[in-house]
């Protein structure tokens, strides 16, 4: 992304807890400071702002996966914030594509189904299809190393001096080196 002068957004903070429990004590911490016995269960307020601001000028938005465990009240704020930002950007003319069962459930929960451009229940299939579109194929022909879309299990972020972060047990924080559950965080594709 740096070499191509593209913007690449990653979470900077999160809401973490020792266990996946709606009554568990939580704390908001930088994404790279999650204690080994804790897990990231939502994005934090700084990441909400970062993602929401990025979405405001986007022309095309592909959302596949909630920001956290939005089914639980204390871990839903990030998903709700991003869903509202996507609806806002759509109202300003962006094309928004929401894909995958959990993302669709979030859009329905926040009553935003009619405020996005298109809703697809096939998340993984949607991303696989998009990876086969002419633009993605052209990138492959041009020799682009990182042609995969965010959320693709084969996606890797390659960055100078990148180190795996310790996410503790349970859910991983997604899209950072060493993570294994890509649908925890969302794909924000900007097309200006």
C-alpha atoms as a PDB file:
ATOM      1  CA  UNK A   1       0.000   0.000   0.000  1.00  0.00           C
ATOM      2  CA  UNK A   2       2.822   2.400   0.879  1.00  0.00           C
ATOM      3  CA  UNK A   3       4.612   1.825  -2.431  1.00  0.00           C
ATOM      4  CA  UNK A   4       1.387   2.341  -4.365  1.00  0.00           C
ATOM      5  CA  UNK A   5       0.424   5.352  -2.244  1.00  0.00           C
ATOM      6  CA  UNK A   6      -2.844   3.654  -1.283  1.00  0.00           C
ATOM      7  CA  UNK A   7      -4.524   4.107   2.075  1.00  0.00           C
ATOM      8  CA  UNK A   8      -4.710   0.947   4.170  1.00  0.00           C
ATOM      9  CA  UNK A   9      -6.698   1.181   7.400  1.00  0.00           C
ATOM     10  CA  UNK A  10      -6.012  -1.009  10.405  1.00  0.00           C
ATOM     11  CA  UNK A  11      -7.513  -0.887  13.896  1.00  0.00           C
ATOM     12  CA  UNK A  12      -5.525   1.226  16.349  1.00  0.00           C
ATOM     13  CA  UNK A  13      -7.457   0.355  19.503  1.00  0.00           C
ATOM     14  CA  UNK A  14     -10.012  -2.160  20.708  1.00  0.00           C
ATOM     15  CA  UNK A  15     -12.452  -3.068  23.423  1.00  0.00           C
ATOM     16  CA  UNK A  16     -11.022  -6.140  25.127  1.00  0.00           C
ATOM     17  CA  UNK A  17     -12.218  -8.556  27.780  1.00  0.00           C
ATOM     18  CA  UNK A  18     -10.936 -11.686  29.512  1.00  0.00           C
ATOM     19  CA  UNK A  19     -13.865 -13.734  28.259  1.00  0.00           C
ATOM     20  CA  UNK A  20     -16.698 -13.627  25.765  1.00  0.00           C
ATOM     21  CA  UNK A  21     -19.402 -12.684  28.230  1.00  0.00           C
ATOM     22  CA  UNK A  22     -21.813  -9.730  28.158  1.00  0.00           C
ATOM     23  CA  UNK A  23     -21.061  -9.096  31.837  1.00  0.00           C
ATOM     24  CA  UNK A  24     -17.279  -9.359  31.551  1.00  0.00           C
ATOM     25  CA  UNK A  25     -15.283  -6.289  32.583  1.00  0.00           C
ATOM     26  CA  UNK A  26     -13.860  -4.514  29.529  1.00  0.00           C
ATOM     27  CA  UNK A  27     -11.133  -2.033  28.801  1.00  0.00           C
ATOM     28  CA  UNK A  28     -10.260   0.036  25.752  1.00  0.00           C
ATOM     29  CA  UNK A  29      -6.605  -0.388  24.868  1.00  0.00           C
ATOM     30  CA  UNK A  30      -4.221   0.067  21.931  1.00  0.00           C
ATOM     31  CA  UNK A  31      -4.501  -2.858  19.512  1.00  0.00           C
ATOM     32  CA  UNK A  32      -0.910  -3.944  20.134  1.00  0.00           C
ATOM     33  CA  UNK A  33      -1.268  -4.007  23.930  1.00  0.00           C
ATOM     34  CA  UNK A  34      -3.845  -6.761  24.395  1.00  0.00           C
ATOM     35  CA  UNK A  35      -2.755  -8.878  27.379  1.00  0.00           C
ATOM     36  CA  UNK A  36      -2.240 -12.604  26.593  1.00  0.00           C
ATOM     37  CA  UNK A  37      -5.245 -13.637  28.694  1.00  0.00           C
ATOM     38  CA  UNK A  38      -7.589 -11.043  27.074  1.00  0.00           C
ATOM     39  CA  UNK A  39      -9.221 -10.899  23.636  1.00  0.00           C
ATOM     40  CA  UNK A  40     -10.283  -8.125  21.265  1.00  0.00           C
ATOM     41  CA  UNK A  41     -14.084  -8.137  20.996  1.00  0.00           C
ATOM     42  CA  UNK A  42     -14.760  -4.789  19.281  1.00  0.00           C
ATOM     43  CA  UNK A  43     -12.899  -1.885  17.763  1.00  0.00           C
ATOM     44  CA  UNK A  44     -12.191   1.053  20.047  1.00  0.00           C
ATOM     45  CA  UNK A  45     -13.323   4.689  19.730  1.00  0.00           C
ATOM     46  CA  UNK A  46     -10.183   5.869  17.916  1.00  0.00           C
ATOM     47  CA  UNK A  47     -10.657   3.139  15.297  1.00  0.00           C
ATOM     48  CA  UNK A  48     -14.360   4.012  14.986  1.00  0.00           C
ATOM     49  CA  UNK A  49     -13.349   7.575  14.148  1.00  0.00           C
ATOM     50  CA  UNK A  50     -10.573   6.458  11.777  1.00  0.00           C
ATOM     51  CA  UNK A  51     -12.862   4.103   9.836  1.00  0.00           C
ATOM     52  CA  UNK A  52     -15.841   6.486   9.826  1.00  0.00           C
ATOM     53  CA  UNK A  53     -13.722   9.353   8.481  1.00  0.00           C
ATOM     54  CA  UNK A  54     -12.227   7.095   5.798  1.00  0.00           C
ATOM     55  CA  UNK A  55     -15.697   6.052   4.675  1.00  0.00           C
ATOM     56  CA  UNK A  56     -16.963   9.618   4.257  1.00  0.00           C
ATOM     57  CA  UNK A  57     -15.046  10.183   1.005  1.00  0.00           C
ATOM     58  CA  UNK A  58     -15.233   6.636  -0.326  1.00  0.00           C
ATOM     59  CA  UNK A  59     -16.865   6.032  -3.688  1.00  0.00           C
ATOM     60  CA  UNK A  60     -17.082   2.246  -3.308  1.00  0.00           C
ATOM     61  CA  UNK A  61     -17.433   0.351  -0.031  1.00  0.00           C
ATOM     62  CA  UNK A  62     -17.332  -3.412   0.411  1.00  0.00           C
ATOM     63  CA  UNK A  63     -18.238  -4.553   3.905  1.00  0.00           C
ATOM     64  CA  UNK A  64     -17.681  -8.169   4.862  1.00  0.00           C
ATOM     65  CA  UNK A  65     -17.709  -8.861   8.579  1.00  0.00           C
ATOM     66  CA  UNK A  66     -18.716  -6.941  11.698  1.00  0.00           C
ATOM     67  CA  UNK A  67     -16.237  -4.974  13.787  1.00  0.00           C
ATOM     68  CA  UNK A  68     -16.755  -7.179  16.806  1.00  0.00           C
ATOM     69  CA  UNK A  69     -19.247  -9.330  18.656  1.00  0.00           C
ATOM     70  CA  UNK A  70     -22.132  -6.988  17.875  1.00  0.00           C
ATOM     71  CA  UNK A  71     -24.689  -9.468  19.208  1.00  0.00           C
ATOM     72  CA  UNK A  72     -23.606  -8.441  22.724  1.00  0.00           C
ATOM     73  CA  UNK A  73     -24.441  -4.899  23.776  1.00  0.00           C
ATOM     74  CA  UNK A  74     -21.024  -4.064  25.231  1.00  0.00           C
ATOM     75  CA  UNK A  75     -19.266  -5.124  21.993  1.00  0.00           C
ATOM     76  CA  UNK A  76     -21.585  -3.626  19.365  1.00  0.00           C
ATOM     77  CA  UNK A  77     -20.555   0.036  19.269  1.00  0.00           C
ATOM     78  CA  UNK A  78     -17.890  -0.382  16.573  1.00  0.00           C
ATOM     79  CA  UNK A  79     -20.136  -2.345  14.232  1.00  0.00           C
ATOM     80  CA  UNK A  80     -22.957   0.157  14.706  1.00  0.00           C
ATOM     81  CA  UNK A  81     -20.613   3.096  14.108  1.00  0.00           C
ATOM     82  CA  UNK A  82     -19.234   1.637  10.871  1.00  0.00           C
ATOM     83  CA  UNK A  83     -22.729   0.623   9.685  1.00  0.00           C
ATOM     84  CA  UNK A  84     -23.959   4.186  10.217  1.00  0.00           C
ATOM     85  CA  UNK A  85     -20.885   5.612   8.448  1.00  0.00           C
ATOM     86  CA  UNK A  86     -21.529   3.316   5.468  1.00  0.00           C
ATOM     87  CA  UNK A  87     -25.179   4.424   5.340  1.00  0.00           C
ATOM     88  CA  UNK A  88     -24.020   8.059   5.523  1.00  0.00           C
ATOM     89  CA  UNK A  89     -21.516   7.601   2.692  1.00  0.00           C
ATOM     90  CA  UNK A  90     -24.192   5.843   0.615  1.00  0.00           C
ATOM     91  CA  UNK A  91     -26.527   8.797   1.115  1.00  0.00           C
ATOM     92  CA  UNK A  92     -23.726  11.017  -0.258  1.00  0.00           C
ATOM     93  CA  UNK A  93     -23.422   8.897  -3.411  1.00  0.00           C
ATOM     94  CA  UNK A  94     -21.081   6.014  -2.528  1.00  0.00           C
ATOM     95  CA  UNK A  95     -21.901   2.521  -3.753  1.00  0.00           C
ATOM     96  CA  UNK A  96     -22.025   0.186  -0.734  1.00  0.00           C
ATOM     97  CA  UNK A  97     -22.028  -3.585  -0.947  1.00  0.00           C
ATOM     98  CA  UNK A  98     -22.661  -5.467   2.304  1.00  0.00           C
ATOM     99  CA  UNK A  99     -21.909  -9.187   2.196  1.00  0.00           C
ATOM    100  CA  UNK A 100     -22.007 -12.123   4.552  1.00  0.00           C
ATOM    101  CA  UNK A 101     -24.480 -13.381   7.104  1.00  0.00           C
ATOM    102  CA  UNK A 102     -23.090 -11.478  10.092  1.00  0.00           C
ATOM    103  CA  UNK A 103     -22.824  -8.198   8.181  1.00  0.00           C
ATOM    104  CA  UNK A 104     -26.379  -8.621   6.901  1.00  0.00           C
ATOM    105  CA  UNK A 105     -27.543  -9.363  10.461  1.00  0.00           C
ATOM    106  CA  UNK A 106     -25.852  -6.152  11.639  1.00  0.00           C
ATOM    107  CA  UNK A 107     -27.438  -4.056   8.876  1.00  0.00           C
ATOM    108  CA  UNK A 108     -30.827  -5.526   9.786  1.00  0.00           C
ATOM    109  CA  UNK A 109     -30.282  -5.022  13.528  1.00  0.00           C
ATOM    110  CA  UNK A 110     -29.594  -1.317  12.999  1.00  0.00           C
ATOM    111  CA  UNK A 111     -32.416  -1.003  10.431  1.00  0.00           C
ATOM    112  CA  UNK A 112     -30.067   0.136   7.655  1.00  0.00           C
ATOM    113  CA  UNK A 113     -30.891  -2.418   4.957  1.00  0.00           C
ATOM    114  CA  UNK A 114     -32.572   0.268   2.840  1.00  0.00           C
ATOM    115  CA  UNK A 115     -29.707   2.710   3.415  1.00  0.00           C
ATOM    116  CA  UNK A 116     -27.005   0.692   1.614  1.00  0.00           C
ATOM    117  CA  UNK A 117     -26.784  -0.040  -2.105  1.00  0.00           C
ATOM    118  CA  UNK A 118     -26.808  -3.828  -2.088  1.00  0.00           C
ATOM    119  CA  UNK A 119     -26.963  -6.637   0.470  1.00  0.00           C
ATOM    120  CA  UNK A 120     -25.588 -10.100  -0.319  1.00  0.00           C
ATOM    121  CA  UNK A 121     -25.933 -13.063   2.033  1.00  0.00           C
ATOM    122  CA  UNK A 122     -22.879 -14.726   0.459  1.00  0.00           C
ATOM    123  CA  UNK A 123     -19.825 -13.202   2.142  1.00  0.00           C
ATOM    124  CA  UNK A 124     -17.003 -15.546   1.157  1.00  0.00           C
ATOM    125  CA  UNK A 125     -18.551 -16.267  -2.219  1.00  0.00           C
ATOM    126  CA  UNK A 126     -18.930 -12.527  -2.815  1.00  0.00           C
ATOM    127  CA  UNK A 127     -15.256 -11.891  -2.086  1.00  0.00           C
ATOM    128  CA  UNK A 128     -14.206 -14.821  -4.259  1.00  0.00           C
ATOM    129  CA  UNK A 129     -16.349 -13.494  -7.113  1.00  0.00           C
ATOM    130  CA  UNK A 130     -14.856 -10.007  -6.727  1.00  0.00           C
ATOM    131  CA  UNK A 131     -11.353 -11.446  -6.859  1.00  0.00           C
ATOM    132  CA  UNK A 132     -12.250 -12.831 -10.299  1.00  0.00           C
ATOM    133  CA  UNK A 133     -13.554  -9.548 -11.715  1.00  0.00           C
ATOM    134  CA  UNK A 134     -11.591  -7.977 -14.592  1.00  0.00           C
ATOM    135  CA  UNK A 135      -9.950  -5.325 -12.371  1.00  0.00           C
ATOM    136  CA  UNK A 136      -8.575  -7.969  -9.994  1.00  0.00           C
ATOM    137  CA  UNK A 137      -7.466 -10.112 -12.943  1.00  0.00           C
ATOM    138  CA  UNK A 138      -5.721  -7.100 -14.478  1.00  0.00           C
ATOM    139  CA  UNK A 139      -3.775  -6.548 -11.264  1.00  0.00           C
ATOM    140  CA  UNK A 140      -2.628 -10.163 -11.474  1.00  0.00           C
ATOM    141  CA  UNK A 141      -1.513  -9.656 -15.074  1.00  0.00           C
ATOM    142  CA  UNK A 142       0.450  -6.579 -14.045  1.00  0.00           C
ATOM    143  CA  UNK A 143       2.252  -8.653 -11.434  1.00  0.00           C
ATOM    144  CA  UNK A 144       0.713  -7.116  -8.339  1.00  0.00           C
ATOM    145  CA  UNK A 145       1.748  -9.291  -5.395  1.00  0.00           C
ATOM    146  CA  UNK A 146      -1.131  -8.406  -3.118  1.00  0.00           C
ATOM    147  CA  UNK A 147      -4.149  -8.682  -5.402  1.00  0.00           C
ATOM    148  CA  UNK A 148      -6.416 -10.451  -2.930  1.00  0.00           C
ATOM    149  CA  UNK A 149      -9.275  -8.605  -1.319  1.00  0.00           C
ATOM    150  CA  UNK A 150      -9.380  -8.122   2.433  1.00  0.00           C
ATOM    151  CA  UNK A 151     -11.159 -11.030   4.010  1.00  0.00           C
ATOM    152  CA  UNK A 152      -9.718 -13.553   1.566  1.00  0.00           C
ATOM    153  CA  UNK A 153      -8.097 -16.344   3.603  1.00  0.00           C
ATOM    154  CA  UNK A 154      -5.036 -16.035   1.347  1.00  0.00           C
ATOM    155  CA  UNK A 155      -4.622 -12.345   2.116  1.00  0.00           C
ATOM    156  CA  UNK A 156      -1.376 -11.352   3.763  1.00  0.00           C
ATOM    157  CA  UNK A 157      -0.235  -7.945   4.856  1.00  0.00           C
ATOM    158  CA  UNK A 158       3.419  -7.474   4.103  1.00  0.00           C
ATOM    159  CA  UNK A 159       5.000  -4.522   5.810  1.00  0.00           C
ATOM    160  CA  UNK A 160       8.544  -3.679   6.730  1.00  0.00           C
ATOM    161  CA  UNK A 161       9.333  -4.749  10.316  1.00  0.00           C
ATOM    162  CA  UNK A 162       5.878  -6.276  10.770  1.00  0.00           C
ATOM    163  CA  UNK A 163       5.593  -8.460  13.869  1.00  0.00           C
ATOM    164  CA  UNK A 164       2.700 -10.616  14.984  1.00  0.00           C
ATOM    165  CA  UNK A 165       0.809  -9.022  17.851  1.00  0.00           C
ATOM    166  CA  UNK A 166      -0.262 -11.086  20.838  1.00  0.00           C
ATOM    167  CA  UNK A 167      -4.025 -11.236  20.801  1.00  0.00           C
ATOM    168  CA  UNK A 168      -4.468 -13.666  23.638  1.00  0.00           C
ATOM    169  CA  UNK A 169      -6.894 -16.526  23.562  1.00  0.00           C
ATOM    170  CA  UNK A 170     -10.104 -16.686  21.577  1.00  0.00           C
ATOM    171  CA  UNK A 171     -10.878 -14.254  18.788  1.00  0.00           C
ATOM    172  CA  UNK A 172      -8.032 -12.712  16.877  1.00  0.00           C
ATOM    173  CA  UNK A 173      -8.052  -9.076  15.873  1.00  0.00           C
ATOM    174  CA  UNK A 174      -7.943  -9.752  12.143  1.00  0.00           C
ATOM    175  CA  UNK A 175      -6.004  -8.330   9.194  1.00  0.00           C
ATOM    176  CA  UNK A 176      -2.830  -7.820  11.185  1.00  0.00           C
ATOM    177  CA  UNK A 177       0.215 -10.073  10.881  1.00  0.00           C
ATOM    178  CA  UNK A 178      -0.355 -13.293  12.757  1.00  0.00           C
ATOM    179  CA  UNK A 179      -4.159 -13.134  12.746  1.00  0.00           C
ATOM    180  CA  UNK A 180      -6.356 -15.997  11.671  1.00  0.00           C
ATOM    181  CA  UNK A 181      -9.969 -14.772  11.625  1.00  0.00           C
ATOM    182  CA  UNK A 182     -10.297 -12.281   8.778  1.00  0.00           C
ATOM    183  CA  UNK A 183     -13.959 -11.463   9.272  1.00  0.00           C
ATOM    184  CA  UNK A 184     -13.507  -9.815  12.684  1.00  0.00           C
ATOM    185  CA  UNK A 185     -12.665  -6.542  10.944  1.00  0.00           C
ATOM    186  CA  UNK A 186     -14.054  -5.035   7.805  1.00  0.00           C
ATOM    187  CA  UNK A 187     -12.884  -4.425   4.302  1.00  0.00           C
ATOM    188  CA  UNK A 188     -12.920  -0.780   3.362  1.00  0.00           C
ATOM    189  CA  UNK A 189     -12.065  -0.384  -0.287  1.00  0.00           C
ATOM    190  CA  UNK A 190     -11.620   3.152  -1.442  1.00  0.00           C
ATOM    191  CA  UNK A 191     -12.042   4.100  -5.052  1.00  0.00           C
ATOM    192  CA  UNK A 192     -11.583   7.791  -5.696  1.00  0.00           C
END
